[in-house]
Every structure is written in structure tokens, then in C-alpha cells.
Amino acid sequence: MAHEFLSDDWMDAVKAIRDKYADTGAEISYKIRMNQVITDAPFTDDEIRVYMDTTDGTMRMDKGQLDDADLTITTDWETARKLFVDQD
């Protein structure tokens, strides 16, 4: 079943896949704490705030924000989808 990028269902599916394969991936050597602000999502009038944290050697991504992030990126939903889903 397809889920709309960054919807609650999509985030739940991403977490389930990540949890299922947690023991099979290589450790991430680059450490970063990044907040992302996504605007103009087609399913909400609100901004979507998500974060990525690799400081423990794995990639953790979830909705919300990190305190003291290394950087914050703001982009529109379509650009974020092209980067994350299409890898364009």
C-alpha cells in the first residue's frame, strides 16, 4: 500500500521498515543532527517538522525537532519528495 510522503502513515511505515532491518545495515560514520521544515504539503496547511539524527551510528528520523541541531533545512514538500523518494 502506498502512503503519501511524510504523512503519519508514511512515517509509521518508514519506522517499521527501519526497525525490521536495524541489525543488517552498516554503521553510519558521519554524525549529524538535522531539523527539516517542510512547507506546502498537499494534506495539511501546517508545516511538517521532522528530524534526522545519526550521532549514535544509526539513522533516526521522526517528526518533531532536535534541540541544538547542527542545521535546519526548510524546503517545500515537492522538493523534499524529489530528494527523499525520487533521489533526484
PDB file of N, CA and C in Angstrom:
ATOM      1  N   MET A   1       0.836  -1.176   0.000  1.00  0.00           N
ATOM      2  CA  MET A   1       0.000   0.000   0.000  1.00  0.00           C
ATOM      3  C   MET A   1       0.884   1.244   0.000  1.00  0.00           C
ATOM      4  N   ALA A   2       0.577   2.184  -0.872  1.00  0.00           N
ATOM      5  CA  ALA A   2       1.346   3.423  -0.952  1.00  0.00           C
ATOM      6  C   ALA A   2       0.843   4.418   0.088  1.00  0.00           C
ATOM      7  N   HIS A   3       1.764   5.169   0.640  1.00  0.00           N
ATOM      8  CA  HIS A   3       1.439   6.198   1.623  1.00  0.00           C
ATOM      9  C   HIS A   3       1.942   7.534   1.102  1.00  0.00           C
ATOM     10  N   GLU A   4       1.203   8.589   1.357  1.00  0.00           N
ATOM     11  CA  GLU A   4       1.627   9.920   0.929  1.00  0.00           C
ATOM     12  C   GLU A   4       2.870  10.333   1.709  1.00  0.00           C
ATOM     13  N   PHE A   5       3.889  10.768   0.991  1.00  0.00           N
ATOM     14  CA  PHE A   5       5.167  11.167   1.563  1.00  0.00           C
ATOM     15  C   PHE A   5       4.976  12.104   2.755  1.00  0.00           C
ATOM     16  N   LEU A   6       5.575  11.755   3.873  1.00  0.00           N
ATOM     17  CA  LEU A   6       5.598  12.481   5.145  1.00  0.00           C
ATOM     18  C   LEU A   6       4.268  12.481   5.894  1.00  0.00           C
ATOM     19  N   SER A   7       3.284  11.734   5.404  1.00  0.00           N
ATOM     20  CA  SER A   7       2.047  11.587   6.180  1.00  0.00           C
ATOM     21  C   SER A   7       2.342  10.719   7.398  1.00  0.00           C
ATOM     22  N   ASP A   8       1.434  10.705   8.359  1.00  0.00           N
ATOM     23  CA  ASP A   8       1.627   9.858   9.538  1.00  0.00           C
ATOM     24  C   ASP A   8       1.779   8.396   9.136  1.00  0.00           C
ATOM     25  N   ASP A   9       0.988   7.933   8.164  1.00  0.00           N
ATOM     26  CA  ASP A   9       1.100   6.547   7.691  1.00  0.00           C
ATOM     27  C   ASP A   9       2.469   6.281   7.069  1.00  0.00           C
ATOM     28  N   TRP A  10       2.979   7.238   6.311  1.00  0.00           N
ATOM     29  CA  TRP A  10       4.294   7.088   5.681  1.00  0.00           C
ATOM     30  C   TRP A  10       5.373   6.993   6.759  1.00  0.00           C
ATOM     31  N   MET A  11       5.310   7.891   7.765  1.00  0.00           N
ATOM     32  CA  MET A  11       6.300   7.865   8.843  1.00  0.00           C
ATOM     33  C   MET A  11       6.247   6.540   9.592  1.00  0.00           C
ATOM     34  N   ASP A  12       5.048   6.024   9.855  1.00  0.00           N
ATOM     35  CA  ASP A  12       4.911   4.724  10.539  1.00  0.00           C
ATOM     36  C   ASP A  12       5.514   3.604   9.701  1.00  0.00           C
ATOM     37  N   ALA A  13       5.284   3.630   8.387  1.00  0.00           N
ATOM     38  CA  ALA A  13       5.833   2.593   7.509  1.00  0.00           C
ATOM     39  C   ALA A  13       7.359   2.670   7.464  1.00  0.00           C
ATOM     40  N   VAL A  14       7.905   3.873   7.418  1.00  0.00           N
ATOM     41  CA  VAL A  14       9.365   4.050   7.418  1.00  0.00           C
ATOM     42  C   VAL A  14       9.964   3.495   8.705  1.00  0.00           C
ATOM     43  N   LYS A  15       9.349   3.813   9.839  1.00  0.00           N
ATOM     44  CA  LYS A  15       9.844   3.295  11.126  1.00  0.00           C
ATOM     45  C   LYS A  15       9.790   1.769  11.171  1.00  0.00           C
ATOM     46  N   ALA A  16       8.717   1.180  10.658  1.00  0.00           N
ATOM     47  CA  ALA A  16       8.585  -0.280  10.661  1.00  0.00           C
ATOM     48  C   ALA A  16       9.671  -0.920   9.811  1.00  0.00           C
ATOM     49  N   ILE A  17       9.938  -0.366   8.651  1.00  0.00           N
ATOM     50  CA  ILE A  17      10.996  -0.906   7.774  1.00  0.00           C
ATOM     51  C   ILE A  17      12.348  -0.753   8.446  1.00  0.00           C
ATOM     52  N   ARG A  18      12.610   0.427   9.002  1.00  0.00           N
ATOM     53  CA  ARG A  18      13.891   0.666   9.672  1.00  0.00           C
ATOM     54  C   ARG A  18      14.083  -0.290  10.839  1.00  0.00           C
ATOM     55  N   ASP A  19      13.031  -0.512  11.636  1.00  0.00           N
ATOM     56  CA  ASP A  19      13.121  -1.436  12.769  1.00  0.00           C
ATOM     57  C   ASP A  19      13.357  -2.870  12.298  1.00  0.00           C
ATOM     58  N   LYS A  20      12.690  -3.271  11.233  1.00  0.00           N
ATOM     59  CA  LYS A  20      12.821  -4.638  10.719  1.00  0.00           C
ATOM     60  C   LYS A  20      14.254  -4.940  10.292  1.00  0.00           C
ATOM     61  N   TYR A  21      14.929  -3.965   9.700  1.00  0.00           N
ATOM     62  CA  TYR A  21      16.270  -4.184   9.165  1.00  0.00           C
ATOM     63  C   TYR A  21      17.368  -3.516   9.991  1.00  0.00           C
ATOM     64  N   ALA A  22      17.075  -3.145  11.219  1.00  0.00           N
ATOM     65  CA  ALA A  22      18.019  -2.399  12.054  1.00  0.00           C
ATOM     66  C   ALA A  22      19.352  -3.113  12.234  1.00  0.00           C
ATOM     67  N   ASP A  23      19.335  -4.415  12.315  1.00  0.00           N
ATOM     68  CA  ASP A  23      20.574  -5.164  12.569  1.00  0.00           C
ATOM     69  C   ASP A  23      21.354  -5.504  11.309  1.00  0.00           C
ATOM     70  N   THR A  24      20.859  -5.127  10.142  1.00  0.00           N
ATOM     71  CA  THR A  24      21.517  -5.540   8.906  1.00  0.00           C
ATOM     72  C   THR A  24      22.294  -4.426   8.222  1.00  0.00           C
ATOM     73  N   GLY A  25      22.098  -3.187   8.627  1.00  0.00           N
ATOM     74  CA  GLY A  25      22.759  -2.070   7.956  1.00  0.00           C
ATOM     75  C   GLY A  25      24.120  -1.769   8.541  1.00  0.00           C
ATOM     76  N   ALA A  26      24.932  -1.111   7.735  1.00  0.00           N
ATOM     77  CA  ALA A  26      26.249  -0.680   8.194  1.00  0.00           C
ATOM     78  C   ALA A  26      26.093   0.538   9.096  1.00  0.00           C
ATOM     79  N   GLU A  27      27.032   0.685  10.020  1.00  0.00           N
ATOM     80  CA  GLU A  27      27.004   1.847  10.895  1.00  0.00           C
ATOM     81  C   GLU A  27      27.280   3.098  10.078  1.00  0.00           C
ATOM     82  N   ILE A  28      26.575   4.162  10.393  1.00  0.00           N
ATOM     83  CA  ILE A  28      26.765   5.438   9.721  1.00  0.00           C
ATOM     84  C   ILE A  28      27.893   6.168  10.433  1.00  0.00           C
ATOM     85  N   SER A  29      28.923   6.516   9.690  1.00  0.00           N
ATOM     86  CA  SER A  29      30.096   7.119  10.328  1.00  0.00           C
ATOM     87  C   SER A  29      29.998   8.642  10.416  1.00  0.00           C
ATOM     88  N   TYR A  30      29.195   9.265   9.581  1.00  0.00           N
ATOM     89  CA  TYR A  30      29.063  10.713   9.615  1.00  0.00           C
ATOM     90  C   TYR A  30      28.001  11.090  10.636  1.00  0.00           C
ATOM     91  N   LYS A  31      28.349  11.926  11.571  1.00  0.00           N
ATOM     92  CA  LYS A  31      27.444  12.308  12.661  1.00  0.00           C
ATOM     93  C   LYS A  31      26.800  13.659  12.350  1.00  0.00           C
ATOM     94  N   ILE A  32      25.468  13.666  12.336  1.00  0.00           N
ATOM     95  CA  ILE A  32      24.748  14.908  12.065  1.00  0.00           C
ATOM     96  C   ILE A  32      23.415  14.904  12.794  1.00  0.00           C
ATOM     97  N   ARG A  33      23.028  16.080  13.217  1.00  0.00           N
ATOM     98  CA  ARG A  33      21.714  16.302  13.840  1.00  0.00           C
ATOM     99  C   ARG A  33      21.051  17.397  13.011  1.00  0.00           C
ATOM    100  N   MET A  34      20.010  17.041  12.279  1.00  0.00           N
ATOM    101  CA  MET A  34      19.407  17.961  11.328  1.00  0.00           C
ATOM    102  C   MET A  34      17.900  18.063  11.537  1.00  0.00           C
ATOM    103  N   ASN A  35      17.410  19.292  11.607  1.00  0.00           N
ATOM    104  CA  ASN A  35      15.980  19.547  11.600  1.00  0.00           C
ATOM    105  C   ASN A  35      15.568  19.903  10.177  1.00  0.00           C
ATOM    106  N   GLN A  36      14.357  19.497   9.811  1.00  0.00           N
ATOM    107  CA  GLN A  36      13.825  19.818   8.498  1.00  0.00           C
ATOM    108  C   GLN A  36      12.430  20.414   8.662  1.00  0.00           C
ATOM    109  N   VAL A  37      12.186  21.504   7.978  1.00  0.00           N
ATOM    110  CA  VAL A  37      10.881  22.145   7.971  1.00  0.00           C
ATOM    111  C   VAL A  37      10.359  22.017   6.543  1.00  0.00           C
ATOM    112  N   ILE A  38       9.230  21.344   6.396  1.00  0.00           N
ATOM    113  CA  ILE A  38       8.651  21.092   5.074  1.00  0.00           C
ATOM    114  C   ILE A  38       7.369  21.919   4.956  1.00  0.00           C
ATOM    115  N   THR A  39       7.289  22.727   3.908  1.00  0.00           N
ATOM    116  CA  THR A  39       6.121  23.569   3.679  1.00  0.00           C
ATOM    117  C   THR A  39       5.305  23.031   2.509  1.00  0.00           C
ATOM    118  N   ASP A  40       4.085  23.504   2.397  1.00  0.00           N
ATOM    119  CA  ASP A  40       3.225  23.255   1.229  1.00  0.00           C
ATOM    120  C   ASP A  40       2.886  21.789   0.987  1.00  0.00           C
ATOM    121  N   ALA A  41       2.774  20.985   2.043  1.00  0.00           N
ATOM    122  CA  ALA A  41       2.344  19.593   1.874  1.00  0.00           C
ATOM    123  C   ALA A  41       0.881  19.591   1.424  1.00  0.00           C
ATOM    124  N   PRO A  42       0.502  18.695   0.517  1.00  0.00           N
ATOM    125  CA  PRO A  42      -0.847  18.712  -0.026  1.00  0.00           C
ATOM    126  C   PRO A  42      -1.924  18.237   0.956  1.00  0.00           C
ATOM    127  N   PHE A  43      -1.534  17.663   2.083  1.00  0.00           N
ATOM    128  CA  PHE A  43      -2.515  17.094   3.010  1.00  0.00           C
ATOM    129  C   PHE A  43      -2.638  17.868   4.317  1.00  0.00           C
ATOM    130  N   THR A  44      -1.952  19.014   4.439  1.00  0.00           N
ATOM    131  CA  THR A  44      -2.057  19.819   5.656  1.00  0.00           C
ATOM    132  C   THR A  44      -1.723  21.274   5.346  1.00  0.00           C
ATOM    133  N   ASP A  45      -2.297  22.173   6.107  1.00  0.00           N
ATOM    134  CA  ASP A  45      -1.955  23.592   5.986  1.00  0.00           C
ATOM    135  C   ASP A  45      -0.771  23.950   6.874  1.00  0.00           C
ATOM    136  N   ASP A  46      -0.387  23.048   7.756  1.00  0.00           N
ATOM    137  CA  ASP A  46       0.710  23.291   8.686  1.00  0.00           C
ATOM    138  C   ASP A  46       2.044  22.884   8.083  1.00  0.00           C
ATOM    139  N   GLU A  47       3.121  23.457   8.607  1.00  0.00           N
ATOM    140  CA  GLU A  47       4.457  22.980   8.263  1.00  0.00           C
ATOM    141  C   GLU A  47       4.651  21.600   8.880  1.00  0.00           C
ATOM    142  N   ILE A  48       5.454  20.791   8.247  1.00  0.00           N
ATOM    143  CA  ILE A  48       5.822  19.490   8.802  1.00  0.00           C
ATOM    144  C   ILE A  48       7.248  19.627   9.314  1.00  0.00           C
ATOM    145  N   ARG A  49       7.455  19.255  10.546  1.00  0.00           N
ATOM    146  CA  ARG A  49       8.794  19.329  11.143  1.00  0.00           C
ATOM    147  C   ARG A  49       9.263  17.910  11.449  1.00  0.00           C
ATOM    148  N   VAL A  50      10.382  17.561  10.852  1.00  0.00           N
ATOM    149  CA  VAL A  50      10.979  16.245  11.074  1.00  0.00           C
ATOM    150  C   VAL A  50      12.463  16.442  11.370  1.00  0.00           C
ATOM    151  N   TYR A  51      13.061  15.421  11.940  1.00  0.00           N
ATOM    152  CA  TYR A  51      14.496  15.496  12.208  1.00  0.00           C
ATOM    153  C   TYR A  51      15.183  14.212  11.790  1.00  0.00           C
ATOM    154  N   MET A  52      16.493  14.326  11.604  1.00  0.00           N
ATOM    155  CA  MET A  52      17.348  13.167  11.343  1.00  0.00           C
ATOM    156  C   MET A  52      18.545  13.287  12.279  1.00  0.00           C
ATOM    157  N   ASP A  53      18.882  12.181  12.934  1.00  0.00           N
ATOM    158  CA  ASP A  53      19.995  12.159  13.882  1.00  0.00           C
ATOM    159  C   ASP A  53      20.795  10.881  13.648  1.00  0.00           C
ATOM    160  N   THR A  54      22.080  11.035  13.327  1.00  0.00           N
ATOM    161  CA  THR A  54      22.941   9.867  13.092  1.00  0.00           C
ATOM    162  C   THR A  54      24.057   9.773  14.134  1.00  0.00           C
ATOM    163  N   THR A  55      23.943  10.502  15.225  1.00  0.00           N
ATOM    164  CA  THR A  55      25.048  10.557  16.188  1.00  0.00           C
ATOM    165  C   THR A  55      25.302   9.251  16.919  1.00  0.00           C
ATOM    166  N   ASP A  56      24.361   8.312  16.899  1.00  0.00           N
ATOM    167  CA  ASP A  56      24.598   7.022  17.552  1.00  0.00           C
ATOM    168  C   ASP A  56      25.011   5.938  16.556  1.00  0.00           C
ATOM    169  N   GLY A  57      25.329   6.334  15.315  1.00  0.00           N
ATOM    170  CA  GLY A  57      25.767   5.359  14.312  1.00  0.00           C
ATOM    171  C   GLY A  57      24.631   4.776  13.495  1.00  0.00           C
ATOM    172  N   THR A  58      23.389   5.113  13.833  1.00  0.00           N
ATOM    173  CA  THR A  58      22.232   4.692  13.047  1.00  0.00           C
ATOM    174  C   THR A  58      21.496   5.956  12.604  1.00  0.00           C
ATOM    175  N   MET A  59      20.585   5.810  11.659  1.00  0.00           N
ATOM    176  CA  MET A  59      19.791   6.952  11.256  1.00  0.00           C
ATOM    177  C   MET A  59      18.449   6.904  11.960  1.00  0.00           C
ATOM    178  N   ARG A  60      18.200   7.914  12.763  1.00  0.00           N
ATOM    179  CA  ARG A  60      16.893   8.056  13.397  1.00  0.00           C
ATOM    180  C   ARG A  60      16.201   9.236  12.741  1.00  0.00           C
ATOM    181  N   MET A  61      14.980   9.007  12.272  1.00  0.00           N
ATOM    182  CA  MET A  61      14.184  10.068  11.662  1.00  0.00           C
ATOM    183  C   MET A  61      12.792   9.986  12.244  1.00  0.00           C
ATOM    184  N   ASP A  62      12.273  11.138  12.655  1.00  0.00           N
ATOM    185  CA  ASP A  62      10.940  11.160  13.236  1.00  0.00           C
ATOM    186  C   ASP A  62      10.390  12.568  13.126  1.00  0.00           C
ATOM    187  N   LYS A  63       9.106  12.697  13.392  1.00  0.00           N
ATOM    188  CA  LYS A  63       8.512  14.027  13.444  1.00  0.00           C
ATOM    189  C   LYS A  63       8.965  14.721  14.717  1.00  0.00           C
ATOM    190  N   GLY A  64       9.073  16.035  14.633  1.00  0.00           N
ATOM    191  CA  GLY A  64       9.496  16.829  15.770  1.00  0.00           C
ATOM    192  C   GLY A  64      10.757  17.597  15.440  1.00  0.00           C
ATOM    193  N   GLN A  65      11.430  18.076  16.472  1.00  0.00           N
ATOM    194  CA  GLN A  65      12.653  18.852  16.308  1.00  0.00           C
ATOM    195  C   GLN A  65      13.681  18.431  17.338  1.00  0.00           C
ATOM    196  N   LEU A  66      14.927  18.592  16.987  1.00  0.00           N
ATOM    197  CA  LEU A  66      16.030  18.353  17.913  1.00  0.00           C
ATOM    198  C   LEU A  66      16.483  19.673  18.518  1.00  0.00           C
ATOM    199  N   ASP A  67      16.830  19.651  19.788  1.00  0.00           N
ATOM    200  CA  ASP A  67      17.483  20.804  20.389  1.00  0.00           C
ATOM    201  C   ASP A  67      18.922  20.832  19.896  1.00  0.00           C
ATOM    202  N   ASP A  68      19.457  21.986  19.682  1.00  0.00           N
ATOM    203  CA  ASP A  68      20.860  22.141  19.280  1.00  0.00           C
ATOM    204  C   ASP A  68      21.207  21.351  18.024  1.00  0.00           C
ATOM    205  N   ALA A  69      20.347  21.393  17.020  1.00  0.00           N
ATOM    206  CA  ALA A  69      20.645  20.729  15.747  1.00  0.00           C
ATOM    207  C   ALA A  69      21.838  21.407  15.082  1.00  0.00           C
ATOM    208  N   ASP A  70      22.578  20.632  14.282  1.00  0.00           N
ATOM    209  CA  ASP A  70      23.703  21.192  13.533  1.00  0.00           C
ATOM    210  C   ASP A  70      23.218  22.138  12.437  1.00  0.00           C
ATOM    211  N   LEU A  71      22.049  21.846  11.880  1.00  0.00           N
ATOM    212  CA  LEU A  71      21.496  22.676  10.830  1.00  0.00           C
ATOM    213  C   LEU A  71      19.997  22.457  10.736  1.00  0.00           C
ATOM    214  N   THR A  72      19.328  23.405  10.113  1.00  0.00           N
ATOM    215  CA  THR A  72      17.912  23.293   9.810  1.00  0.00           C
ATOM    216  C   THR A  72      17.728  23.621   8.343  1.00  0.00           C
ATOM    217  N   ILE A  73      17.034  22.745   7.641  1.00  0.00           N
ATOM    218  CA  ILE A  73      16.746  22.938   6.224  1.00  0.00           C
ATOM    219  C   ILE A  73      15.247  23.165   6.080  1.00  0.00           C
ATOM    220  N   THR A  74      14.884  24.195   5.340  1.00  0.00           N
ATOM    221  CA  THR A  74      13.489  24.455   5.039  1.00  0.00           C
ATOM    222  C   THR A  74      13.297  24.322   3.532  1.00  0.00           C
ATOM    223  N   THR A  75      12.326  23.523   3.146  1.00  0.00           N
ATOM    224  CA  THR A  75      12.039  23.336   1.726  1.00  0.00           C
ATOM    225  C   THR A  75      10.568  23.015   1.545  1.00  0.00           C
ATOM    226  N   ASP A  76      10.097  23.134   0.338  1.00  0.00           N
ATOM    227  CA  ASP A  76       8.714  22.775   0.069  1.00  0.00           C
ATOM    228  C   ASP A  76       8.585  21.258  -0.062  1.00  0.00           C
ATOM    229  N   TRP A  77       7.362  20.777   0.084  1.00  0.00           N
ATOM    230  CA  TRP A  77       7.069  19.346   0.090  1.00  0.00           C
ATOM    231  C   TRP A  77       7.513  18.659  -1.211  1.00  0.00           C
ATOM    232  N   GLU A  78       7.243  19.264  -2.347  1.00  0.00           N
ATOM    233  CA  GLU A  78       7.584  18.627  -3.626  1.00  0.00           C
ATOM    234  C   GLU A  78       9.090  18.456  -3.772  1.00  0.00           C
ATOM    235  N   THR A  79       9.871  19.448  -3.389  1.00  0.00           N
ATOM    236  CA  THR A  79      11.331  19.324  -3.457  1.00  0.00           C
ATOM    237  C   THR A  79      11.818  18.243  -2.499  1.00  0.00           C
ATOM    238  N   ALA A  80      11.287  18.217  -1.284  1.00  0.00           N
ATOM    239  CA  ALA A  80      11.669  17.186  -0.312  1.00  0.00           C
ATOM    240  C   ALA A  80      11.326  15.795  -0.839  1.00  0.00           C
ATOM    241  N   ARG A  81      10.147  15.644  -1.446  1.00  0.00           N
ATOM    242  CA  ARG A  81       9.748  14.355  -2.005  1.00  0.00           C
ATOM    243  C   ARG A  81      10.702  13.928  -3.117  1.00  0.00           C
ATOM    244  N   LYS A  82      11.096  14.851  -3.967  1.00  0.00           N
ATOM    245  CA  LYS A  82      12.029  14.518  -5.046  1.00  0.00           C
ATOM    246  C   LYS A  82      13.376  14.075  -4.481  1.00  0.00           C
ATOM    247  N   LEU A  83      13.823  14.718  -3.413  1.00  0.00           N
ATOM    248  CA  LEU A  83      15.099  14.332  -2.802  1.00  0.00           C
ATOM    249  C   LEU A  83      15.028  12.966  -2.121  1.00  0.00           C
ATOM    250  N   PHE A  84      14.010  12.763  -1.283  1.00  0.00           N
ATOM    251  CA  PHE A  84      13.932  11.550  -0.470  1.00  0.00           C
ATOM    252  C   PHE A  84      13.369  10.354  -1.223  1.00  0.00           C
ATOM    253  N   VAL A  85      12.327  10.558  -1.999  1.00  0.00           N
ATOM    254  CA  VAL A  85      11.649   9.435  -2.657  1.00  0.00           C
ATOM    255  C   VAL A  85      12.258   9.153  -4.024  1.00  0.00           C
ATOM    256  N   ASP A  86      12.370  10.199  -4.852  1.00  0.00           N
ATOM    257  CA  ASP A  86      12.885  10.012  -6.215  1.00  0.00           C
ATOM    258  C   ASP A  86      14.408  10.014  -6.259  1.00  0.00           C
ATOM    259  N   GLN A  87      15.058  10.457  -5.185  1.00  0.00           N
ATOM    260  CA  GLN A  87      16.512  10.615  -5.116  1.00  0.00           C
ATOM    261  C   GLN A  87      17.035  11.442  -6.284  1.00  0.00           C
ATOM    262  N   ASP A  88      16.302  12.511  -6.559  1.00  0.00           N
ATOM    263  CA  ASP A  88      16.626  13.418  -7.681  1.00  0.00           C
ATOM    264  C   ASP A  88      17.288  14.668  -7.131  1.00  0.00           C
TER     265      ASP A  88
END
